[in-house]
């Protein structure tokens, strides 16, 4: 179900951004507005981000096989890294252009055409943002998270671009460059955080301490467990495989200990959504 939601979200992102790219580049070429032409390039990179989401989800949804025993879930993080890098590149480009505009005191003149395009862009991005936010809550997919943040960034850029255009009627021109510089810094930080989150998973970063504590709390409910051993976690996409060692009475029958392990595995998977699978190792408990 989650893969279908992610697929639908990415297709909507591709269609929406293609729509924005067409109207921006067409109006930019007709009006010879460099600002609008430059903004159309940003929409082209958004098409790339949505396309990466589609491809990443398609690969990560493939089941495990002989070559990939834990599935293809980490593909999400590889493609998220690509999206984060595109954010960082856009941030540098926007920051550079903003500094040039401030130094040269370039003036952005009022235009109803630019204002209308900004309104169309904002409401298109608002729809895409709300939709991907809803999908992210249901799937917890980092690919959808990166798309959601990308749509949010575009909304903020569009809001301040619209303000910049409107206040030029009062002969205030520097706001555009300063705002662009601040937004570029914000997009850069967002891109870095996404990159770091993807990097951590690809480097097999363990579960957070709170989740480990929740696992231990579940294990402590079982009186047959004499001692809790090591708890390890392996990320597979946006979920984890957990390997647990527990100690039980050495005289316990094998069939009973395996039954306890099965119950524990189901209990943990049912109560902690980020865990895909649980492997329980049974060891005999030694009082000495």
C-alpha atoms as a PDB file:
ATOM      1  CA  UNK A   1       0.000   0.000   0.000  1.00  0.00           C
ATOM      2  CA  UNK A   2       2.770   2.463   0.955  1.00  0.00           C
ATOM      3  CA  UNK A   3       4.618   1.849  -2.328  1.00  0.00           C
ATOM      4  CA  UNK A   4       1.468   2.702  -4.287  1.00  0.00           C
ATOM      5  CA  UNK A   5       1.048   5.941  -2.321  1.00  0.00           C
ATOM      6  CA  UNK A   6       4.674   6.914  -2.935  1.00  0.00           C
ATOM      7  CA  UNK A   7       4.338   6.075  -6.640  1.00  0.00           C
ATOM      8  CA  UNK A   8       1.185   8.186  -6.965  1.00  0.00           C
ATOM      9  CA  UNK A   9       2.813  11.073  -5.075  1.00  0.00           C
ATOM     10  CA  UNK A  10       5.902  11.032  -7.303  1.00  0.00           C
ATOM     11  CA  UNK A  11       3.790  10.954 -10.491  1.00  0.00           C
ATOM     12  CA  UNK A  12       1.748  13.922  -9.222  1.00  0.00           C
ATOM     13  CA  UNK A  13       5.014  15.728  -8.485  1.00  0.00           C
ATOM     14  CA  UNK A  14       6.317  15.071 -11.996  1.00  0.00           C
ATOM     15  CA  UNK A  15       3.059  16.232 -13.634  1.00  0.00           C
ATOM     16  CA  UNK A  16       2.746  19.308 -11.400  1.00  0.00           C
ATOM     17  CA  UNK A  17       6.337  20.406 -11.941  1.00  0.00           C
ATOM     18  CA  UNK A  18       6.150  19.830 -15.707  1.00  0.00           C
ATOM     19  CA  UNK A  19       3.047  22.067 -15.721  1.00  0.00           C
ATOM     20  CA  UNK A  20       4.911  24.798 -13.810  1.00  0.00           C
ATOM     21  CA  UNK A  21       7.998  24.452 -16.005  1.00  0.00           C
ATOM     22  CA  UNK A  22       5.951  24.886 -19.207  1.00  0.00           C
ATOM     23  CA  UNK A  23       4.094  28.020 -18.075  1.00  0.00           C
ATOM     24  CA  UNK A  24       7.229  29.593 -16.580  1.00  0.00           C
ATOM     25  CA  UNK A  25       9.536  28.981 -19.543  1.00  0.00           C
ATOM     26  CA  UNK A  26       6.815  30.006 -22.036  1.00  0.00           C
ATOM     27  CA  UNK A  27       5.953  33.247 -20.216  1.00  0.00           C
ATOM     28  CA  UNK A  28       9.625  33.901 -19.518  1.00  0.00           C
ATOM     29  CA  UNK A  29      10.571  33.644 -23.194  1.00  0.00           C
ATOM     30  CA  UNK A  30       7.566  35.715 -24.288  1.00  0.00           C
ATOM     31  CA  UNK A  31       8.161  38.476 -21.715  1.00  0.00           C
ATOM     32  CA  UNK A  32      11.966  38.064 -21.830  1.00  0.00           C
ATOM     33  CA  UNK A  33      11.975  37.884 -18.046  1.00  0.00           C
ATOM     34  CA  UNK A  34      15.291  36.456 -16.839  1.00  0.00           C
ATOM     35  CA  UNK A  35      13.813  35.939 -13.363  1.00  0.00           C
ATOM     36  CA  UNK A  36      11.040  33.745 -14.737  1.00  0.00           C
ATOM     37  CA  UNK A  37      13.393  31.824 -17.016  1.00  0.00           C
ATOM     38  CA  UNK A  38      15.673  31.175 -14.030  1.00  0.00           C
ATOM     39  CA  UNK A  39      12.675  30.043 -11.972  1.00  0.00           C
ATOM     40  CA  UNK A  40      11.734  27.602 -14.738  1.00  0.00           C
ATOM     41  CA  UNK A  41      15.146  25.976 -14.247  1.00  0.00           C
ATOM     42  CA  UNK A  42      14.231  25.454 -10.591  1.00  0.00           C
ATOM     43  CA  UNK A  43      11.026  23.708 -11.736  1.00  0.00           C
ATOM     44  CA  UNK A  44      13.128  21.505 -14.010  1.00  0.00           C
ATOM     45  CA  UNK A  45      15.196  20.386 -11.003  1.00  0.00           C
ATOM     46  CA  UNK A  46      11.922  19.683  -9.161  1.00  0.00           C
ATOM     47  CA  UNK A  47      10.933  17.365 -12.032  1.00  0.00           C
ATOM     48  CA  UNK A  48      14.269  15.619 -11.476  1.00  0.00           C
ATOM     49  CA  UNK A  49      13.535  15.262  -7.726  1.00  0.00           C
ATOM     50  CA  UNK A  50      10.083  13.764  -8.350  1.00  0.00           C
ATOM     51  CA  UNK A  51      11.530  11.440 -10.996  1.00  0.00           C
ATOM     52  CA  UNK A  52      14.208  10.282  -8.545  1.00  0.00           C
ATOM     53  CA  UNK A  53      11.431   9.567  -6.034  1.00  0.00           C
ATOM     54  CA  UNK A  54       9.596   7.442  -8.606  1.00  0.00           C
ATOM     55  CA  UNK A  55      12.713   5.452  -9.585  1.00  0.00           C
ATOM     56  CA  UNK A  56      13.915   5.096  -5.986  1.00  0.00           C
ATOM     57  CA  UNK A  57      10.542   3.783  -4.844  1.00  0.00           C
ATOM     58  CA  UNK A  58      10.335   1.378  -7.800  1.00  0.00           C
ATOM     59  CA  UNK A  59      13.714  -0.151  -6.942  1.00  0.00           C
ATOM     60  CA  UNK A  60      13.226  -0.200  -3.158  1.00  0.00           C
ATOM     61  CA  UNK A  61       9.843  -1.936  -3.475  1.00  0.00           C
ATOM     62  CA  UNK A  62      11.434  -4.984  -5.136  1.00  0.00           C
ATOM     63  CA  UNK A  63      11.367  -8.026  -2.799  1.00  0.00           C
ATOM     64  CA  UNK A  64      14.492  -9.665  -1.426  1.00  0.00           C
ATOM     65  CA  UNK A  65      16.355 -12.094  -3.672  1.00  0.00           C
ATOM     66  CA  UNK A  66      19.484 -14.238  -3.649  1.00  0.00           C
ATOM     67  CA  UNK A  67      21.719 -11.207  -4.244  1.00  0.00           C
ATOM     68  CA  UNK A  68      19.883  -8.871  -1.862  1.00  0.00           C
ATOM     69  CA  UNK A  69      18.763 -10.921   1.132  1.00  0.00           C
ATOM     70  CA  UNK A  70      17.358  -7.925   3.015  1.00  0.00           C
ATOM     71  CA  UNK A  71      15.574  -6.437   0.007  1.00  0.00           C
ATOM     72  CA  UNK A  72      16.282  -3.189  -1.850  1.00  0.00           C
ATOM     73  CA  UNK A  73      15.031  -0.682   0.744  1.00  0.00           C
ATOM     74  CA  UNK A  74      18.273   1.292   0.900  1.00  0.00           C
ATOM     75  CA  UNK A  75      17.699   2.451  -2.684  1.00  0.00           C
ATOM     76  CA  UNK A  76      15.416   5.093  -1.126  1.00  0.00           C
ATOM     77  CA  UNK A  77      18.374   6.623   0.671  1.00  0.00           C
ATOM     78  CA  UNK A  78      20.654   6.558  -2.373  1.00  0.00           C
ATOM     79  CA  UNK A  79      18.095   8.494  -4.406  1.00  0.00           C
ATOM     80  CA  UNK A  80      17.352  10.803  -1.468  1.00  0.00           C
ATOM     81  CA  UNK A  81      21.058  11.680  -1.416  1.00  0.00           C
ATOM     82  CA  UNK A  82      20.770  12.655  -5.089  1.00  0.00           C
ATOM     83  CA  UNK A  83      17.779  14.884  -4.283  1.00  0.00           C
ATOM     84  CA  UNK A  84      19.632  16.450  -1.350  1.00  0.00           C
ATOM     85  CA  UNK A  85      22.609  17.195  -3.611  1.00  0.00           C
ATOM     86  CA  UNK A  86      20.295  18.903  -6.107  1.00  0.00           C
ATOM     87  CA  UNK A  87      18.974  21.050  -3.208  1.00  0.00           C
ATOM     88  CA  UNK A  88      22.522  22.010  -2.227  1.00  0.00           C
ATOM     89  CA  UNK A  89      23.409  22.937  -5.833  1.00  0.00           C
ATOM     90  CA  UNK A  90      20.228  25.051  -6.139  1.00  0.00           C
ATOM     91  CA  UNK A  91      21.065  26.758  -2.819  1.00  0.00           C
ATOM     92  CA  UNK A  92      24.536  27.734  -4.074  1.00  0.00           C
ATOM     93  CA  UNK A  93      23.109  29.008  -7.379  1.00  0.00           C
ATOM     94  CA  UNK A  94      20.362  31.008  -5.660  1.00  0.00           C
ATOM     95  CA  UNK A  95      22.830  32.387  -3.107  1.00  0.00           C
ATOM     96  CA  UNK A  96      25.318  33.414  -5.795  1.00  0.00           C
ATOM     97  CA  UNK A  97      22.627  35.132  -7.884  1.00  0.00           C
ATOM     98  CA  UNK A  98      21.307  36.924  -4.793  1.00  0.00           C
ATOM     99  CA  UNK A  99      24.763  38.258  -3.878  1.00  0.00           C
ATOM    100  CA  UNK A 100      25.281  39.471  -7.449  1.00  0.00           C
ATOM    101  CA  UNK A 101      21.886  41.207  -7.366  1.00  0.00           C
ATOM    102  CA  UNK A 102      22.732  42.928  -4.070  1.00  0.00           C
ATOM    103  CA  UNK A 103      26.182  44.069  -5.262  1.00  0.00           C
ATOM    104  CA  UNK A 104      24.921  45.300  -8.641  1.00  0.00           C
ATOM    105  CA  UNK A 105      21.702  46.617  -7.099  1.00  0.00           C
ATOM    106  CA  UNK A 106      19.682  44.876  -9.794  1.00  0.00           C
ATOM    107  CA  UNK A 107      16.064  45.987  -9.828  1.00  0.00           C
ATOM    108  CA  UNK A 108      13.125  43.600 -10.040  1.00  0.00           C
ATOM    109  CA  UNK A 109      10.295  45.592 -11.630  1.00  0.00           C
ATOM    110  CA  UNK A 110       6.608  45.049 -10.972  1.00  0.00           C
ATOM    111  CA  UNK A 111       4.736  42.844 -13.429  1.00  0.00           C
ATOM    112  CA  UNK A 112       1.224  41.409 -13.212  1.00  0.00           C
ATOM    113  CA  UNK A 113       2.350  38.514 -15.391  1.00  0.00           C
ATOM    114  CA  UNK A 114       5.063  37.584 -12.878  1.00  0.00           C
ATOM    115  CA  UNK A 115       2.593  38.003 -10.011  1.00  0.00           C
ATOM    116  CA  UNK A 116       0.027  35.693 -11.626  1.00  0.00           C
ATOM    117  CA  UNK A 117       2.706  33.051 -12.295  1.00  0.00           C
ATOM    118  CA  UNK A 118       3.755  33.289  -8.642  1.00  0.00           C
ATOM    119  CA  UNK A 119       0.175  32.690  -7.461  1.00  0.00           C
ATOM    120  CA  UNK A 120      -0.215  29.685  -9.789  1.00  0.00           C
ATOM    121  CA  UNK A 121       3.118  28.305  -8.567  1.00  0.00           C
ATOM    122  CA  UNK A 122       2.223  28.797  -4.899  1.00  0.00           C
ATOM    123  CA  UNK A 123      -1.145  27.037  -5.043  1.00  0.00           C
ATOM    124  CA  UNK A 124       0.244  24.191  -7.166  1.00  0.00           C
ATOM    125  CA  UNK A 125       3.061  23.696  -4.668  1.00  0.00           C
ATOM    126  CA  UNK A 126       0.662  24.033  -1.728  1.00  0.00           C
ATOM    127  CA  UNK A 127      -1.418  21.159  -3.103  1.00  0.00           C
ATOM    128  CA  UNK A 128       1.695  19.025  -3.711  1.00  0.00           C
ATOM    129  CA  UNK A 129       3.070  19.847  -0.249  1.00  0.00           C
ATOM    130  CA  UNK A 130      -0.158  18.932   1.577  1.00  0.00           C
ATOM    131  CA  UNK A 131      -0.528  15.749  -0.437  1.00  0.00           C
ATOM    132  CA  UNK A 132       3.067  14.578   0.132  1.00  0.00           C
ATOM    133  CA  UNK A 133       2.836  15.529   3.814  1.00  0.00           C
ATOM    134  CA  UNK A 134      -0.186  13.251   4.164  1.00  0.00           C
ATOM    135  CA  UNK A 135       1.630  10.430   2.318  1.00  0.00           C
ATOM    136  CA  UNK A 136       4.723  10.922   4.498  1.00  0.00           C
ATOM    137  CA  UNK A 137       2.635  10.508   7.673  1.00  0.00           C
ATOM    138  CA  UNK A 138       1.343   7.193   6.304  1.00  0.00           C
ATOM    139  CA  UNK A 139       4.607   5.811   4.897  1.00  0.00           C
ATOM    140  CA  UNK A 140       7.449   7.480   6.858  1.00  0.00           C
ATOM    141  CA  UNK A 141       9.413   7.347   3.576  1.00  0.00           C
ATOM    142  CA  UNK A 142      12.500   9.560   3.408  1.00  0.00           C
ATOM    143  CA  UNK A 143      11.962   9.918  -0.361  1.00  0.00           C
ATOM    144  CA  UNK A 144       8.546  11.446   0.258  1.00  0.00           C
ATOM    145  CA  UNK A 145      10.040  13.549   3.048  1.00  0.00           C
ATOM    146  CA  UNK A 146      12.618  14.996   0.625  1.00  0.00           C
ATOM    147  CA  UNK A 147       9.856  15.778  -1.902  1.00  0.00           C
ATOM    148  CA  UNK A 148       7.694  17.316   0.815  1.00  0.00           C
ATOM    149  CA  UNK A 149      10.551  19.588   1.930  1.00  0.00           C
ATOM    150  CA  UNK A 150      11.276  20.499  -1.692  1.00  0.00           C
ATOM    151  CA  UNK A 151       7.648  21.563  -2.242  1.00  0.00           C
ATOM    152  CA  UNK A 152       7.729  23.525   1.032  1.00  0.00           C
ATOM    153  CA  UNK A 153      10.928  25.306  -0.003  1.00  0.00           C
ATOM    154  CA  UNK A 154       9.367  26.291  -3.326  1.00  0.00           C
ATOM    155  CA  UNK A 155       6.307  27.659  -1.521  1.00  0.00           C
ATOM    156  CA  UNK A 156       8.472  29.848   0.703  1.00  0.00           C
ATOM    157  CA  UNK A 157      10.550  31.044  -2.265  1.00  0.00           C
ATOM    158  CA  UNK A 158       7.376  31.892  -4.182  1.00  0.00           C
ATOM    159  CA  UNK A 159       5.880  33.809  -1.239  1.00  0.00           C
ATOM    160  CA  UNK A 160       8.938  36.013  -0.881  1.00  0.00           C
ATOM    161  CA  UNK A 161       9.319  36.412  -4.640  1.00  0.00           C
ATOM    162  CA  UNK A 162       5.711  37.648  -4.779  1.00  0.00           C
ATOM    163  CA  UNK A 163       6.395  40.072  -1.918  1.00  0.00           C
ATOM    164  CA  UNK A 164       9.542  41.257  -3.714  1.00  0.00           C
ATOM    165  CA  UNK A 165       7.538  41.930  -6.878  1.00  0.00           C
ATOM    166  CA  UNK A 166       4.710  43.707  -5.056  1.00  0.00           C
ATOM    167  CA  UNK A 167       6.901  46.060  -3.001  1.00  0.00           C
ATOM    168  CA  UNK A 168       8.705  47.258  -6.144  1.00  0.00           C
ATOM    169  CA  UNK A 169       5.603  49.438  -6.619  1.00  0.00           C
ATOM    170  CA  UNK A 170       6.986  51.391  -3.641  1.00  0.00           C
ATOM    171  CA  UNK A 171      10.491  51.607  -5.212  1.00  0.00           C
ATOM    172  CA  UNK A 172      11.954  49.043  -2.782  1.00  0.00           C
ATOM    173  CA  UNK A 173      14.301  46.744  -4.717  1.00  0.00           C
ATOM    174  CA  UNK A 174      16.924  45.309  -2.339  1.00  0.00           C
ATOM    175  CA  UNK A 175      14.429  43.007  -0.569  1.00  0.00           C
ATOM    176  CA  UNK A 176      14.636  40.495  -3.426  1.00  0.00           C
ATOM    177  CA  UNK A 177      18.403  39.934  -3.094  1.00  0.00           C
ATOM    178  CA  UNK A 178      18.459  39.751   0.706  1.00  0.00           C
ATOM    179  CA  UNK A 179      15.506  37.372   0.820  1.00  0.00           C
ATOM    180  CA  UNK A 180      17.040  35.181  -1.867  1.00  0.00           C
ATOM    181  CA  UNK A 181      20.254  34.931   0.156  1.00  0.00           C
ATOM    182  CA  UNK A 182      18.418  33.893   3.341  1.00  0.00           C
ATOM    183  CA  UNK A 183      16.292  31.341   1.485  1.00  0.00           C
ATOM    184  CA  UNK A 184      19.376  29.857  -0.199  1.00  0.00           C
ATOM    185  CA  UNK A 185      20.932  29.340   3.251  1.00  0.00           C
ATOM    186  CA  UNK A 186      17.753  27.637   4.469  1.00  0.00           C
ATOM    187  CA  UNK A 187      17.602  25.321   1.437  1.00  0.00           C
ATOM    188  CA  UNK A 188      21.309  24.500   1.910  1.00  0.00           C
ATOM    189  CA  UNK A 189      20.718  23.473   5.551  1.00  0.00           C
ATOM    190  CA  UNK A 190      17.684  21.377   4.529  1.00  0.00           C
ATOM    191  CA  UNK A 191      19.764  19.632   1.850  1.00  0.00           C
ATOM    192  CA  UNK A 192      22.617  18.939   4.283  1.00  0.00           C
ATOM    193  CA  UNK A 193      20.221  17.454   6.868  1.00  0.00           C
ATOM    194  CA  UNK A 194      18.644  15.168   4.250  1.00  0.00           C
ATOM    195  CA  UNK A 195      22.097  14.112   3.052  1.00  0.00           C
ATOM    196  CA  UNK A 196      23.190  13.320   6.622  1.00  0.00           C
ATOM    197  CA  UNK A 197      20.003  11.331   7.320  1.00  0.00           C
ATOM    198  CA  UNK A 198      20.537   9.265   4.158  1.00  0.00           C
ATOM    199  CA  UNK A 199      24.239   8.802   4.901  1.00  0.00           C
ATOM    200  CA  UNK A 200      23.508   7.531   8.419  1.00  0.00           C
ATOM    201  CA  UNK A 201      21.169   4.809   7.121  1.00  0.00           C
ATOM    202  CA  UNK A 202      23.534   3.765   4.330  1.00  0.00           C
ATOM    203  CA  UNK A 203      26.255   3.445   6.981  1.00  0.00           C
ATOM    204  CA  UNK A 204      23.929   1.187   9.038  1.00  0.00           C
ATOM    205  CA  UNK A 205      23.223   3.621  11.840  1.00  0.00           C
ATOM    206  CA  UNK A 206      21.440   1.857  14.708  1.00  0.00           C
ATOM    207  CA  UNK A 207      17.968   2.552  16.051  1.00  0.00           C
ATOM    208  CA  UNK A 208      17.520   5.482  18.411  1.00  0.00           C
ATOM    209  CA  UNK A 209      17.753   5.010  22.172  1.00  0.00           C
ATOM    210  CA  UNK A 210      14.017   5.471  22.727  1.00  0.00           C
ATOM    211  CA  UNK A 211      13.168   2.573  20.394  1.00  0.00           C
ATOM    212  CA  UNK A 212      15.747   0.349  22.094  1.00  0.00           C
ATOM    213  CA  UNK A 213      14.108   1.189  25.419  1.00  0.00           C
ATOM    214  CA  UNK A 214      10.680   0.291  24.013  1.00  0.00           C
ATOM    215  CA  UNK A 215      12.059  -3.086  22.894  1.00  0.00           C
ATOM    216  CA  UNK A 216      13.496  -3.743  26.349  1.00  0.00           C
ATOM    217  CA  UNK A 217      10.190  -2.789  27.975  1.00  0.00           C
ATOM    218  CA  UNK A 218       8.403  -5.354  25.814  1.00  0.00           C
ATOM    219  CA  UNK A 219      10.966  -8.037  26.677  1.00  0.00           C
ATOM    220  CA  UNK A 220      10.661  -7.332  30.408  1.00  0.00           C
ATOM    221  CA  UNK A 221       7.009  -8.401  30.287  1.00  0.00           C
ATOM    222  CA  UNK A 222       8.029 -12.029  29.741  1.00  0.00           C
ATOM    223  CA  UNK A 223       8.870 -13.827  33.009  1.00  0.00           C
ATOM    224  CA  UNK A 224      10.562 -16.716  31.186  1.00  0.00           C
ATOM    225  CA  UNK A 225      13.330 -14.348  30.072  1.00  0.00           C
ATOM    226  CA  UNK A 226      16.065 -14.566  32.707  1.00  0.00           C
ATOM    227  CA  UNK A 227      18.393 -12.099  31.042  1.00  0.00           C
ATOM    228  CA  UNK A 228      18.350  -9.768  28.045  1.00  0.00           C
ATOM    229  CA  UNK A 229      21.492  -9.977  25.936  1.00  0.00           C
ATOM    230  CA  UNK A 230      22.575  -7.887  22.949  1.00  0.00           C
ATOM    231  CA  UNK A 231      20.072  -5.997  20.805  1.00  0.00           C
ATOM    232  CA  UNK A 232      21.299  -5.109  17.324  1.00  0.00           C
ATOM    233  CA  UNK A 233      19.508  -3.319  14.499  1.00  0.00           C
ATOM    234  CA  UNK A 234      20.058  -3.275  10.731  1.00  0.00           C
ATOM    235  CA  UNK A 235      18.362  -0.558   8.609  1.00  0.00           C
ATOM    236  CA  UNK A 236      16.609  -1.724   5.441  1.00  0.00           C
ATOM    237  CA  UNK A 237      15.094   1.327   3.818  1.00  0.00           C
ATOM    238  CA  UNK A 238      13.043   3.284   6.336  1.00  0.00           C
ATOM    239  CA  UNK A 239      12.506   0.214   8.547  1.00  0.00           C
ATOM    240  CA  UNK A 240      14.781  -2.051  10.576  1.00  0.00           C
ATOM    241  CA  UNK A 241      15.587  -5.672  11.218  1.00  0.00           C
ATOM    242  CA  UNK A 242      16.263  -6.264  14.924  1.00  0.00           C
ATOM    243  CA  UNK A 243      18.398  -9.120  16.239  1.00  0.00           C
ATOM    244  CA  UNK A 244      17.860  -9.932  19.919  1.00  0.00           C
ATOM    245  CA  UNK A 245      19.572 -12.389  22.257  1.00  0.00           C
ATOM    246  CA  UNK A 246      17.631 -13.584  25.288  1.00  0.00           C
ATOM    247  CA  UNK A 247      18.530 -16.084  27.999  1.00  0.00           C
ATOM    248  CA  UNK A 248      16.021 -18.622  29.328  1.00  0.00           C
ATOM    249  CA  UNK A 249      16.141 -21.565  31.715  1.00  0.00           C
ATOM    250  CA  UNK A 250      18.560 -24.090  30.247  1.00  0.00           C
ATOM    251  CA  UNK A 251      16.190 -26.922  31.116  1.00  0.00           C
ATOM    252  CA  UNK A 252      13.357 -25.421  29.084  1.00  0.00           C
ATOM    253  CA  UNK A 253      12.233 -27.573  26.165  1.00  0.00           C
ATOM    254  CA  UNK A 254      13.326 -26.371  22.741  1.00  0.00           C
ATOM    255  CA  UNK A 255       9.780 -26.250  21.409  1.00  0.00           C
ATOM    256  CA  UNK A 256       8.700 -23.978  24.287  1.00  0.00           C
ATOM    257  CA  UNK A 257      11.661 -21.612  23.916  1.00  0.00           C
ATOM    258  CA  UNK A 258      10.972 -21.313  20.167  1.00  0.00           C
ATOM    259  CA  UNK A 259       7.327 -20.592  20.924  1.00  0.00           C
ATOM    260  CA  UNK A 260       8.383 -17.750  23.255  1.00  0.00           C
ATOM    261  CA  UNK A 261      10.649 -16.383  20.522  1.00  0.00           C
ATOM    262  CA  UNK A 262       7.780 -16.392  18.008  1.00  0.00           C
ATOM    263  CA  UNK A 263       5.495 -14.543  20.425  1.00  0.00           C
ATOM    264  CA  UNK A 264       8.193 -11.933  21.171  1.00  0.00           C
ATOM    265  CA  UNK A 265       8.876 -11.356  17.466  1.00  0.00           C
ATOM    266  CA  UNK A 266       5.185 -10.736  16.773  1.00  0.00           C
ATOM    267  CA  UNK A 267       4.779  -8.532  19.858  1.00  0.00           C
ATOM    268  CA  UNK A 268       7.654  -6.227  18.861  1.00  0.00           C
ATOM    269  CA  UNK A 269       6.602  -5.974  15.194  1.00  0.00           C
ATOM    270  CA  UNK A 270       2.998  -5.214  16.157  1.00  0.00           C
ATOM    271  CA  UNK A 271       3.946  -2.465  18.620  1.00  0.00           C
ATOM    272  CA  UNK A 272       6.891  -0.728  16.926  1.00  0.00           C
ATOM    273  CA  UNK A 273       6.036   0.351  13.379  1.00  0.00           C
ATOM    274  CA  UNK A 274       9.581   1.084  12.244  1.00  0.00           C
ATOM    275  CA  UNK A 275      10.623  -2.554  12.756  1.00  0.00           C
ATOM    276  CA  UNK A 276      10.158  -4.791   9.717  1.00  0.00           C
ATOM    277  CA  UNK A 277      11.410  -8.064  11.178  1.00  0.00           C
ATOM    278  CA  UNK A 278      12.726  -9.506  14.456  1.00  0.00           C
ATOM    279  CA  UNK A 279      15.194 -12.341  14.923  1.00  0.00           C
ATOM    280  CA  UNK A 280      15.399 -13.805  18.438  1.00  0.00           C
ATOM    281  CA  UNK A 281      18.362 -15.935  19.516  1.00  0.00           C
ATOM    282  CA  UNK A 282      17.734 -18.203  22.514  1.00  0.00           C
ATOM    283  CA  UNK A 283      20.611 -18.949  24.919  1.00  0.00           C
ATOM    284  CA  UNK A 284      20.601 -21.067  28.126  1.00  0.00           C
ATOM    285  CA  UNK A 285      20.811 -19.041  31.309  1.00  0.00           C
ATOM    286  CA  UNK A 286      23.676 -19.859  33.666  1.00  0.00           C
ATOM    287  CA  UNK A 287      23.357 -18.675  37.278  1.00  0.00           C
ATOM    288  CA  UNK A 288      27.119 -18.904  37.811  1.00  0.00           C
END
